[in-house]
Amino acid sequence: MIQVNIVEFRDNTADLVNRVLYNGERVVLERRGKGVAAVVSLEDLLRLEEMEDKADVKAARKARKEKGSVSLAEVKKRLGMK
């Protein structure tokens, strides 16, 4: 994993993006010494989103089994939505 500050990233964007694209490296952008963003390959991003989707489905299934669930219509009513 490569860590660079925002100025370094701006000055070396093409090289860093190529390292992500061709070498599979990940770049962490730092501001004041703390990570604030990352540049990853599209493949990594899609894998992460797939994992999040699976976790959401698992949580939804668990919630549906809980007693005292509230219907969507009831939630909308409570929130003053149509």
PDB file of N, CA and C in Angstrom:
ATOM      1  N   MET A   1       0.853  -1.175   0.000  1.00  0.00           N
ATOM      2  CA  MET A   1       0.000   0.000   0.000  1.00  0.00           C
ATOM      3  C   MET A   1       0.896   1.235   0.000  1.00  0.00           C
ATOM      4  N   ILE A   2       0.555   2.144  -0.867  1.00  0.00           N
ATOM      5  CA  ILE A   2       1.307   3.388  -1.008  1.00  0.00           C
ATOM      6  C   ILE A   2       0.559   4.481  -0.254  1.00  0.00           C
ATOM      7  N   GLN A   3       1.283   5.267   0.511  1.00  0.00           N
ATOM      8  CA  GLN A   3       0.671   6.388   1.222  1.00  0.00           C
ATOM      9  C   GLN A   3       1.312   7.678   0.728  1.00  0.00           C
ATOM     10  N   VAL A   4       0.466   8.602   0.264  1.00  0.00           N
ATOM     11  CA  VAL A   4       0.966   9.881  -0.241  1.00  0.00           C
ATOM     12  C   VAL A   4       0.057  10.997   0.243  1.00  0.00           C
ATOM     13  N   ASN A   5       0.645  12.186   0.364  1.00  0.00           N
ATOM     14  CA  ASN A   5      -0.217  13.321   0.708  1.00  0.00           C
ATOM     15  C   ASN A   5      -0.875  13.840  -0.571  1.00  0.00           C
ATOM     16  N   ILE A   6      -1.829  14.715  -0.384  1.00  0.00           N
ATOM     17  CA  ILE A   6      -2.629  15.209  -1.504  1.00  0.00           C
ATOM     18  C   ILE A   6      -1.758  15.877  -2.577  1.00  0.00           C
ATOM     19  N   VAL A   7      -0.770  16.655  -2.157  1.00  0.00           N
ATOM     20  CA  VAL A   7       0.108  17.343  -3.117  1.00  0.00           C
ATOM     21  C   VAL A   7       0.903  16.327  -3.931  1.00  0.00           C
ATOM     22  N   GLU A   8       1.453  15.303  -3.259  1.00  0.00           N
ATOM     23  CA  GLU A   8       2.195  14.259  -3.975  1.00  0.00           C
ATOM     24  C   GLU A   8       1.291  13.548  -4.980  1.00  0.00           C
ATOM     25  N   PHE A   9       0.054  13.309  -4.572  1.00  0.00           N
ATOM     26  CA  PHE A   9      -0.878  12.643  -5.487  1.00  0.00           C
ATOM     27  C   PHE A   9      -1.147  13.516  -6.708  1.00  0.00           C
ATOM     28  N   ARG A  10      -1.388  14.796  -6.466  1.00  0.00           N
ATOM     29  CA  ARG A  10      -1.651  15.717  -7.580  1.00  0.00           C
ATOM     30  C   ARG A  10      -0.466  15.741  -8.550  1.00  0.00           C
ATOM     31  N   ASP A  11       0.744  15.763  -7.999  1.00  0.00           N
ATOM     32  CA  ASP A  11       1.937  15.856  -8.839  1.00  0.00           C
ATOM     33  C   ASP A  11       2.283  14.548  -9.552  1.00  0.00           C
ATOM     34  N   ASN A  12       1.771  13.432  -9.048  1.00  0.00           N
ATOM     35  CA  ASN A  12       2.140  12.118  -9.593  1.00  0.00           C
ATOM     36  C   ASN A  12       0.920  11.261  -9.945  1.00  0.00           C
ATOM     37  N   THR A  13      -0.182  11.915 -10.267  1.00  0.00           N
ATOM     38  CA  THR A  13      -1.435  11.192 -10.486  1.00  0.00           C
ATOM     39  C   THR A  13      -1.300  10.083 -11.525  1.00  0.00           C
ATOM     40  N   ALA A  14      -0.767  10.387 -12.676  1.00  0.00           N
ATOM     41  CA  ALA A  14      -0.681   9.390 -13.755  1.00  0.00           C
ATOM     42  C   ALA A  14       0.121   8.173 -13.313  1.00  0.00           C
ATOM     43  N   ASP A  15       1.268   8.389 -12.695  1.00  0.00           N
ATOM     44  CA  ASP A  15       2.108   7.279 -12.239  1.00  0.00           C
ATOM     45  C   ASP A  15       1.387   6.445 -11.187  1.00  0.00           C
ATOM     46  N   LEU A  16       0.754   7.105 -10.229  1.00  0.00           N
ATOM     47  CA  LEU A  16       0.080   6.372  -9.157  1.00  0.00           C
ATOM     48  C   LEU A  16      -1.121   5.588  -9.681  1.00  0.00           C
ATOM     49  N   VAL A  17      -1.883   6.183 -10.574  1.00  0.00           N
ATOM     50  CA  VAL A  17      -3.024   5.463 -11.155  1.00  0.00           C
ATOM     51  C   VAL A  17      -2.530   4.265 -11.963  1.00  0.00           C
ATOM     52  N   ASN A  18      -1.436   4.411 -12.682  1.00  0.00           N
ATOM     53  CA  ASN A  18      -0.869   3.279 -13.421  1.00  0.00           C
ATOM     54  C   ASN A  18      -0.429   2.169 -12.478  1.00  0.00           C
ATOM     55  N   ARG A  19       0.127   2.526 -11.336  1.00  0.00           N
ATOM     56  CA  ARG A  19       0.537   1.509 -10.362  1.00  0.00           C
ATOM     57  C   ARG A  19      -0.677   0.758  -9.821  1.00  0.00           C
ATOM     58  N   VAL A  20      -1.775   1.475  -9.638  1.00  0.00           N
ATOM     59  CA  VAL A  20      -3.020   0.823  -9.211  1.00  0.00           C
ATOM     60  C   VAL A  20      -3.518  -0.090 -10.325  1.00  0.00           C
ATOM     61  N   LEU A  21      -3.578   0.436 -11.531  1.00  0.00           N
ATOM     62  CA  LEU A  21      -4.132  -0.279 -12.676  1.00  0.00           C
ATOM     63  C   LEU A  21      -3.310  -1.505 -13.057  1.00  0.00           C
ATOM     64  N   TYR A  22      -1.998  -1.348 -13.164  1.00  0.00           N
ATOM     65  CA  TYR A  22      -1.166  -2.421 -13.693  1.00  0.00           C
ATOM     66  C   TYR A  22      -0.510  -3.301 -12.636  1.00  0.00           C
ATOM     67  N   ASN A  23      -0.289  -2.781 -11.440  1.00  0.00           N
ATOM     68  CA  ASN A  23       0.388  -3.554 -10.397  1.00  0.00           C
ATOM     69  C   ASN A  23      -0.548  -3.983  -9.275  1.00  0.00           C
ATOM     70  N   GLY A  24      -1.791  -3.511  -9.320  1.00  0.00           N
ATOM     71  CA  GLY A  24      -2.743  -3.880  -8.273  1.00  0.00           C
ATOM     72  C   GLY A  24      -2.461  -3.228  -6.933  1.00  0.00           C
ATOM     73  N   GLU A  25      -1.643  -2.178  -6.946  1.00  0.00           N
ATOM     74  CA  GLU A  25      -1.336  -1.493  -5.692  1.00  0.00           C
ATOM     75  C   GLU A  25      -2.516  -0.627  -5.274  1.00  0.00           C
ATOM     76  N   ARG A  26      -2.525  -0.244  -4.008  1.00  0.00           N
ATOM     77  CA  ARG A  26      -3.561   0.640  -3.472  1.00  0.00           C
ATOM     78  C   ARG A  26      -2.874   1.892  -2.950  1.00  0.00           C
ATOM     79  N   VAL A  27      -3.512   3.027  -3.181  1.00  0.00           N
ATOM     80  CA  VAL A  27      -2.935   4.308  -2.775  1.00  0.00           C
ATOM     81  C   VAL A  27      -3.844   4.949  -1.731  1.00  0.00           C
ATOM     82  N   VAL A  28      -3.257   5.299  -0.596  1.00  0.00           N
ATOM     83  CA  VAL A  28      -3.994   6.011   0.446  1.00  0.00           C
ATOM     84  C   VAL A  28      -3.577   7.473   0.394  1.00  0.00           C
ATOM     85  N   LEU A  29      -4.565   8.352   0.271  1.00  0.00           N
ATOM     86  CA  LEU A  29      -4.296   9.788   0.256  1.00  0.00           C
ATOM     87  C   LEU A  29      -4.394  10.305   1.680  1.00  0.00           C
ATOM     88  N   GLU A  30      -3.385  11.085   2.071  1.00  0.00           N
ATOM     89  CA  GLU A  30      -3.342  11.601   3.432  1.00  0.00           C
ATOM     90  C   GLU A  30      -3.444  13.119   3.452  1.00  0.00           C
ATOM     91  N   ARG A  31      -4.074  13.597   4.478  1.00  0.00           N
ATOM     92  CA  ARG A  31      -4.127  15.031   4.755  1.00  0.00           C
ATOM     93  C   ARG A  31      -3.727  15.190   6.216  1.00  0.00           C
ATOM     94  N   ARG A  32      -2.704  15.999   6.427  1.00  0.00           N
ATOM     95  CA  ARG A  32      -2.172  16.210   7.773  1.00  0.00           C
ATOM     96  C   ARG A  32      -1.802  14.889   8.454  1.00  0.00           C
ATOM     97  N   GLY A  33      -1.259  13.966   7.651  1.00  0.00           N
ATOM     98  CA  GLY A  33      -0.777  12.702   8.180  1.00  0.00           C
ATOM     99  C   GLY A  33      -1.830  11.641   8.432  1.00  0.00           C
ATOM    100  N   LYS A  34      -3.071  11.927   8.083  1.00  0.00           N
ATOM    101  CA  LYS A  34      -4.143  10.954   8.305  1.00  0.00           C
ATOM    102  C   LYS A  34      -4.772  10.562   6.973  1.00  0.00           C
ATOM    103  N   GLY A  35      -5.056   9.282   6.813  1.00  0.00           N
ATOM    104  CA  GLY A  35      -5.699   8.802   5.606  1.00  0.00           C
ATOM    105  C   GLY A  35      -7.097   9.379   5.458  1.00  0.00           C
ATOM    106  N   VAL A  36      -7.407   9.896   4.272  1.00  0.00           N
ATOM    107  CA  VAL A  36      -8.721  10.501   4.033  1.00  0.00           C
ATOM    108  C   VAL A  36      -9.440   9.889   2.828  1.00  0.00           C
ATOM    109  N   ALA A  37      -8.719   9.211   1.967  1.00  0.00           N
ATOM    110  CA  ALA A  37      -9.324   8.610   0.780  1.00  0.00           C
ATOM    111  C   ALA A  37      -8.361   7.557   0.240  1.00  0.00           C
ATOM    112  N   ALA A  38      -8.860   6.772  -0.707  1.00  0.00           N
ATOM    113  CA  ALA A  38      -8.013   5.743  -1.299  1.00  0.00           C
ATOM    114  C   ALA A  38      -8.312   5.620  -2.786  1.00  0.00           C
ATOM    115  N   VAL A  39      -7.301   5.207  -3.521  1.00  0.00           N
ATOM    116  CA  VAL A  39      -7.464   4.884  -4.932  1.00  0.00           C
ATOM    117  C   VAL A  39      -7.198   3.385  -5.045  1.00  0.00           C
ATOM    118  N   VAL A  40      -8.219   2.668  -5.527  1.00  0.00           N
ATOM    119  CA  VAL A  40      -8.109   1.221  -5.686  1.00  0.00           C
ATOM    120  C   VAL A  40      -8.583   0.855  -7.085  1.00  0.00           C
ATOM    121  N   SER A  41      -8.271  -0.348  -7.494  1.00  0.00           N
ATOM    122  CA  SER A  41      -8.715  -0.791  -8.815  1.00  0.00           C
ATOM    123  C   SER A  41     -10.232  -0.953  -8.823  1.00  0.00           C
ATOM    124  N   LEU A  42     -10.797  -0.903 -10.007  1.00  0.00           N
ATOM    125  CA  LEU A  42     -12.234  -1.116 -10.152  1.00  0.00           C
ATOM    126  C   LEU A  42     -12.605  -2.506  -9.640  1.00  0.00           C
ATOM    127  N   GLU A  43     -11.753  -3.479  -9.893  1.00  0.00           N
ATOM    128  CA  GLU A  43     -11.997  -4.847  -9.415  1.00  0.00           C
ATOM    129  C   GLU A  43     -12.117  -4.871  -7.888  1.00  0.00           C
ATOM    130  N   ASP A  44     -11.215  -4.178  -7.194  1.00  0.00           N
ATOM    131  CA  ASP A  44     -11.283  -4.105  -5.728  1.00  0.00           C
ATOM    132  C   ASP A  44     -12.575  -3.434  -5.273  1.00  0.00           C
ATOM    133  N   LEU A  45     -12.949  -2.356  -5.931  1.00  0.00           N
ATOM    134  CA  LEU A  45     -14.171  -1.641  -5.567  1.00  0.00           C
ATOM    135  C   LEU A  45     -15.395  -2.530  -5.753  1.00  0.00           C
ATOM    136  N   LEU A  46     -15.480  -3.226  -6.870  1.00  0.00           N
ATOM    137  CA  LEU A  46     -16.623  -4.101  -7.126  1.00  0.00           C
ATOM    138  C   LEU A  46     -16.685  -5.233  -6.106  1.00  0.00           C
ATOM    139  N   ARG A  47     -15.526  -5.772  -5.738  1.00  0.00           N
ATOM    140  CA  ARG A  47     -15.474  -6.826  -4.723  1.00  0.00           C
ATOM    141  C   ARG A  47     -15.964  -6.298  -3.376  1.00  0.00           C
ATOM    142  N   LEU A  48     -15.545  -5.105  -3.018  1.00  0.00           N
ATOM    143  CA  LEU A  48     -15.981  -4.485  -1.769  1.00  0.00           C
ATOM    144  C   LEU A  48     -17.489  -4.258  -1.774  1.00  0.00           C
ATOM    145  N   GLU A  49     -18.016  -3.745  -2.873  1.00  0.00           N
ATOM    146  CA  GLU A  49     -19.458  -3.506  -2.958  1.00  0.00           C
ATOM    147  C   GLU A  49     -20.244  -4.812  -2.890  1.00  0.00           C
ATOM    148  N   GLU A  50     -19.716  -5.870  -3.483  1.00  0.00           N
ATOM    149  CA  GLU A  50     -20.378  -7.177  -3.414  1.00  0.00           C
ATOM    150  C   GLU A  50     -20.417  -7.672  -1.969  1.00  0.00           C
ATOM    151  N   MET A  51     -19.319  -7.504  -1.241  1.00  0.00           N
ATOM    152  CA  MET A  51     -19.284  -7.906   0.164  1.00  0.00           C
ATOM    153  C   MET A  51     -20.289  -7.104   0.984  1.00  0.00           C
ATOM    154  N   GLU A  52     -20.384  -5.807   0.720  1.00  0.00           N
ATOM    155  CA  GLU A  52     -21.354  -4.966   1.427  1.00  0.00           C
ATOM    156  C   GLU A  52     -22.777  -5.409   1.122  1.00  0.00           C
ATOM    157  N   ASP A  53     -23.055  -5.722  -0.135  1.00  0.00           N
ATOM    158  CA  ASP A  53     -24.391  -6.186  -0.521  1.00  0.00           C
ATOM    159  C   ASP A  53     -24.747  -7.477   0.207  1.00  0.00           C
ATOM    160  N   LYS A  54     -23.802  -8.412   0.277  1.00  0.00           N
ATOM    161  CA  LYS A  54     -24.055  -9.677   0.978  1.00  0.00           C
ATOM    162  C   LYS A  54     -24.322  -9.437   2.457  1.00  0.00           C
ATOM    163  N   ALA A  55     -23.570  -8.525   3.065  1.00  0.00           N
ATOM    164  CA  ALA A  55     -23.786  -8.203   4.482  1.00  0.00           C
ATOM    165  C   ALA A  55     -25.158  -7.570   4.681  1.00  0.00           C
ATOM    166  N   ASP A  56     -25.575  -6.713   3.752  1.00  0.00           N
ATOM    167  CA  ASP A  56     -26.898  -6.082   3.843  1.00  0.00           C
ATOM    168  C   ASP A  56     -28.010  -7.119   3.747  1.00  0.00           C
ATOM    169  N   VAL A  57     -27.871  -8.070   2.833  1.00  0.00           N
ATOM    170  CA  VAL A  57     -28.883  -9.116   2.672  1.00  0.00           C
ATOM    171  C   VAL A  57     -28.961  -9.957   3.941  1.00  0.00           C
ATOM    172  N   LYS A  58     -27.811 -10.307   4.488  1.00  0.00           N
ATOM    173  CA  LYS A  58     -27.778 -11.104   5.718  1.00  0.00           C
ATOM    174  C   LYS A  58     -28.464 -10.355   6.860  1.00  0.00           C
ATOM    175  N   ALA A  59     -28.176  -9.073   6.996  1.00  0.00           N
ATOM    176  CA  ALA A  59     -28.793  -8.267   8.056  1.00  0.00           C
ATOM    177  C   ALA A  59     -30.300  -8.142   7.841  1.00  0.00           C
ATOM    178  N   ALA A  60     -30.721  -7.998   6.594  1.00  0.00           N
ATOM    179  CA  ALA A  60     -32.155  -7.884   6.295  1.00  0.00           C
ATOM    180  C   ALA A  60     -32.875  -9.178   6.625  1.00  0.00           C
ATOM    181  N   ARG A  61     -32.275 -10.303   6.291  1.00  0.00           N
ATOM    182  CA  ARG A  61     -32.899 -11.593   6.613  1.00  0.00           C
ATOM    183  C   ARG A  61     -33.023 -11.773   8.118  1.00  0.00           C
ATOM    184  N   LYS A  62     -31.997 -11.387   8.830  1.00  0.00           N
ATOM    185  CA  LYS A  62     -32.029 -11.489  10.292  1.00  0.00           C
ATOM    186  C   LYS A  62     -33.122 -10.585  10.856  1.00  0.00           C
ATOM    187  N   ALA A  63     -33.221  -9.379  10.345  1.00  0.00           N
ATOM    188  CA  ALA A  63     -34.223  -8.425  10.834  1.00  0.00           C
ATOM    189  C   ALA A  63     -35.636  -8.925  10.563  1.00  0.00           C
ATOM    190  N   ARG A  64     -35.847  -9.577   9.438  1.00  0.00           N
ATOM    191  CA  ARG A  64     -37.182 -10.091   9.101  1.00  0.00           C
ATOM    192  C   ARG A  64     -37.622 -11.169  10.075  1.00  0.00           C
ATOM    193  N   LYS A  65     -36.672 -11.891  10.659  1.00  0.00           N
ATOM    194  CA  LYS A  65     -37.000 -12.965  11.593  1.00  0.00           C
ATOM    195  C   LYS A  65     -37.306 -12.448  12.996  1.00  0.00           C
ATOM    196  N   GLU A  66     -36.903 -11.220  13.279  1.00  0.00           N
ATOM    197  CA  GLU A  66     -37.117 -10.662  14.615  1.00  0.00           C
ATOM    198  C   GLU A  66     -38.594 -10.397  14.857  1.00  0.00           C
ATOM    199  N   LYS A  67     -38.984 -10.599  16.100  1.00  0.00           N
ATOM    200  CA  LYS A  67     -40.362 -10.298  16.483  1.00  0.00           C
ATOM    201  C   LYS A  67     -40.514  -8.792  16.589  1.00  0.00           C
ATOM    202  N   GLY A  68     -41.724  -8.335  16.343  1.00  0.00           N
ATOM    203  CA  GLY A  68     -41.981  -6.907  16.471  1.00  0.00           C
ATOM    204  C   GLY A  68     -41.539  -6.096  15.273  1.00  0.00           C
ATOM    205  N   SER A  69     -41.360  -6.757  14.153  1.00  0.00           N
ATOM    206  CA  SER A  69     -40.975  -6.024  12.946  1.00  0.00           C
ATOM    207  C   SER A  69     -42.080  -5.054  12.542  1.00  0.00           C
ATOM    208  N   VAL A  70     -41.695  -4.023  11.818  1.00  0.00           N
ATOM    209  CA  VAL A  70     -42.627  -2.990  11.384  1.00  0.00           C
ATOM    210  C   VAL A  70     -42.670  -3.002   9.861  1.00  0.00           C
ATOM    211  N   SER A  71     -43.864  -2.937   9.312  1.00  0.00           N
ATOM    212  CA  SER A  71     -44.009  -2.943   7.856  1.00  0.00           C
ATOM    213  C   SER A  71     -43.517  -1.623   7.267  1.00  0.00           C
ATOM    214  N   LEU A  72     -43.231  -1.654   5.975  1.00  0.00           N
ATOM    215  CA  LEU A  72     -42.811  -0.439   5.279  1.00  0.00           C
ATOM    216  C   LEU A  72     -43.900   0.620   5.360  1.00  0.00           C
ATOM    217  N   ALA A  73     -45.141   0.201   5.209  1.00  0.00           N
ATOM    218  CA  ALA A  73     -46.260   1.155   5.287  1.00  0.00           C
ATOM    219  C   ALA A  73     -46.292   1.849   6.648  1.00  0.00           C
ATOM    220  N   GLU A  74     -46.034   1.093   7.708  1.00  0.00           N
ATOM    221  CA  GLU A  74     -46.036   1.676   9.054  1.00  0.00           C
ATOM    222  C   GLU A  74     -44.864   2.643   9.229  1.00  0.00           C
ATOM    223  N   VAL A  75     -43.713   2.294   8.708  1.00  0.00           N
ATOM    224  CA  VAL A  75     -42.552   3.185   8.794  1.00  0.00           C
ATOM    225  C   VAL A  75     -42.853   4.492   8.076  1.00  0.00           C
ATOM    226  N   LYS A  76     -43.404   4.404   6.874  1.00  0.00           N
ATOM    227  CA  LYS A  76     -43.749   5.613   6.116  1.00  0.00           C
ATOM    228  C   LYS A  76     -44.753   6.458   6.879  1.00  0.00           C
ATOM    229  N   LYS A  77     -45.737   5.808   7.481  1.00  0.00           N
ATOM    230  CA  LYS A  77     -46.750   6.527   8.256  1.00  0.00           C
ATOM    231  C   LYS A  77     -46.103   7.267   9.420  1.00  0.00           C
ATOM    232  N   ARG A  78     -45.214   6.590  10.133  1.00  0.00           N
ATOM    233  CA  ARG A  78     -44.533   7.201  11.281  1.00  0.00           C
ATOM    234  C   ARG A  78     -43.656   8.379  10.870  1.00  0.00           C
ATOM    235  N   LEU A  79     -43.106   8.305   9.667  1.00  0.00           N
ATOM    236  CA  LEU A  79     -42.235   9.376   9.175  1.00  0.00           C
ATOM    237  C   LEU A  79     -43.003  10.462   8.426  1.00  0.00           C
ATOM    238  N   GLY A  80     -44.311  10.295   8.329  1.00  0.00           N
ATOM    239  CA  GLY A  80     -45.127  11.285   7.635  1.00  0.00           C
ATOM    240  C   GLY A  80     -44.960  11.250   6.130  1.00  0.00           C
ATOM    241  N   MET A  81     -44.602  10.082   5.615  1.00  0.00           N
ATOM    242  CA  MET A  81     -44.412   9.927   4.172  1.00  0.00           C
ATOM    243  C   MET A  81     -45.651   9.292   3.560  1.00  0.00           C
ATOM    244  N   LYS A  82     -45.826   9.502   2.266  1.00  0.00           N
ATOM    245  CA  LYS A  82     -46.971   8.893   1.568  1.00  0.00           C
ATOM    246  C   LYS A  82     -46.616   7.538   1.036  1.00  0.00           C
TER     247      LYS A  82
END
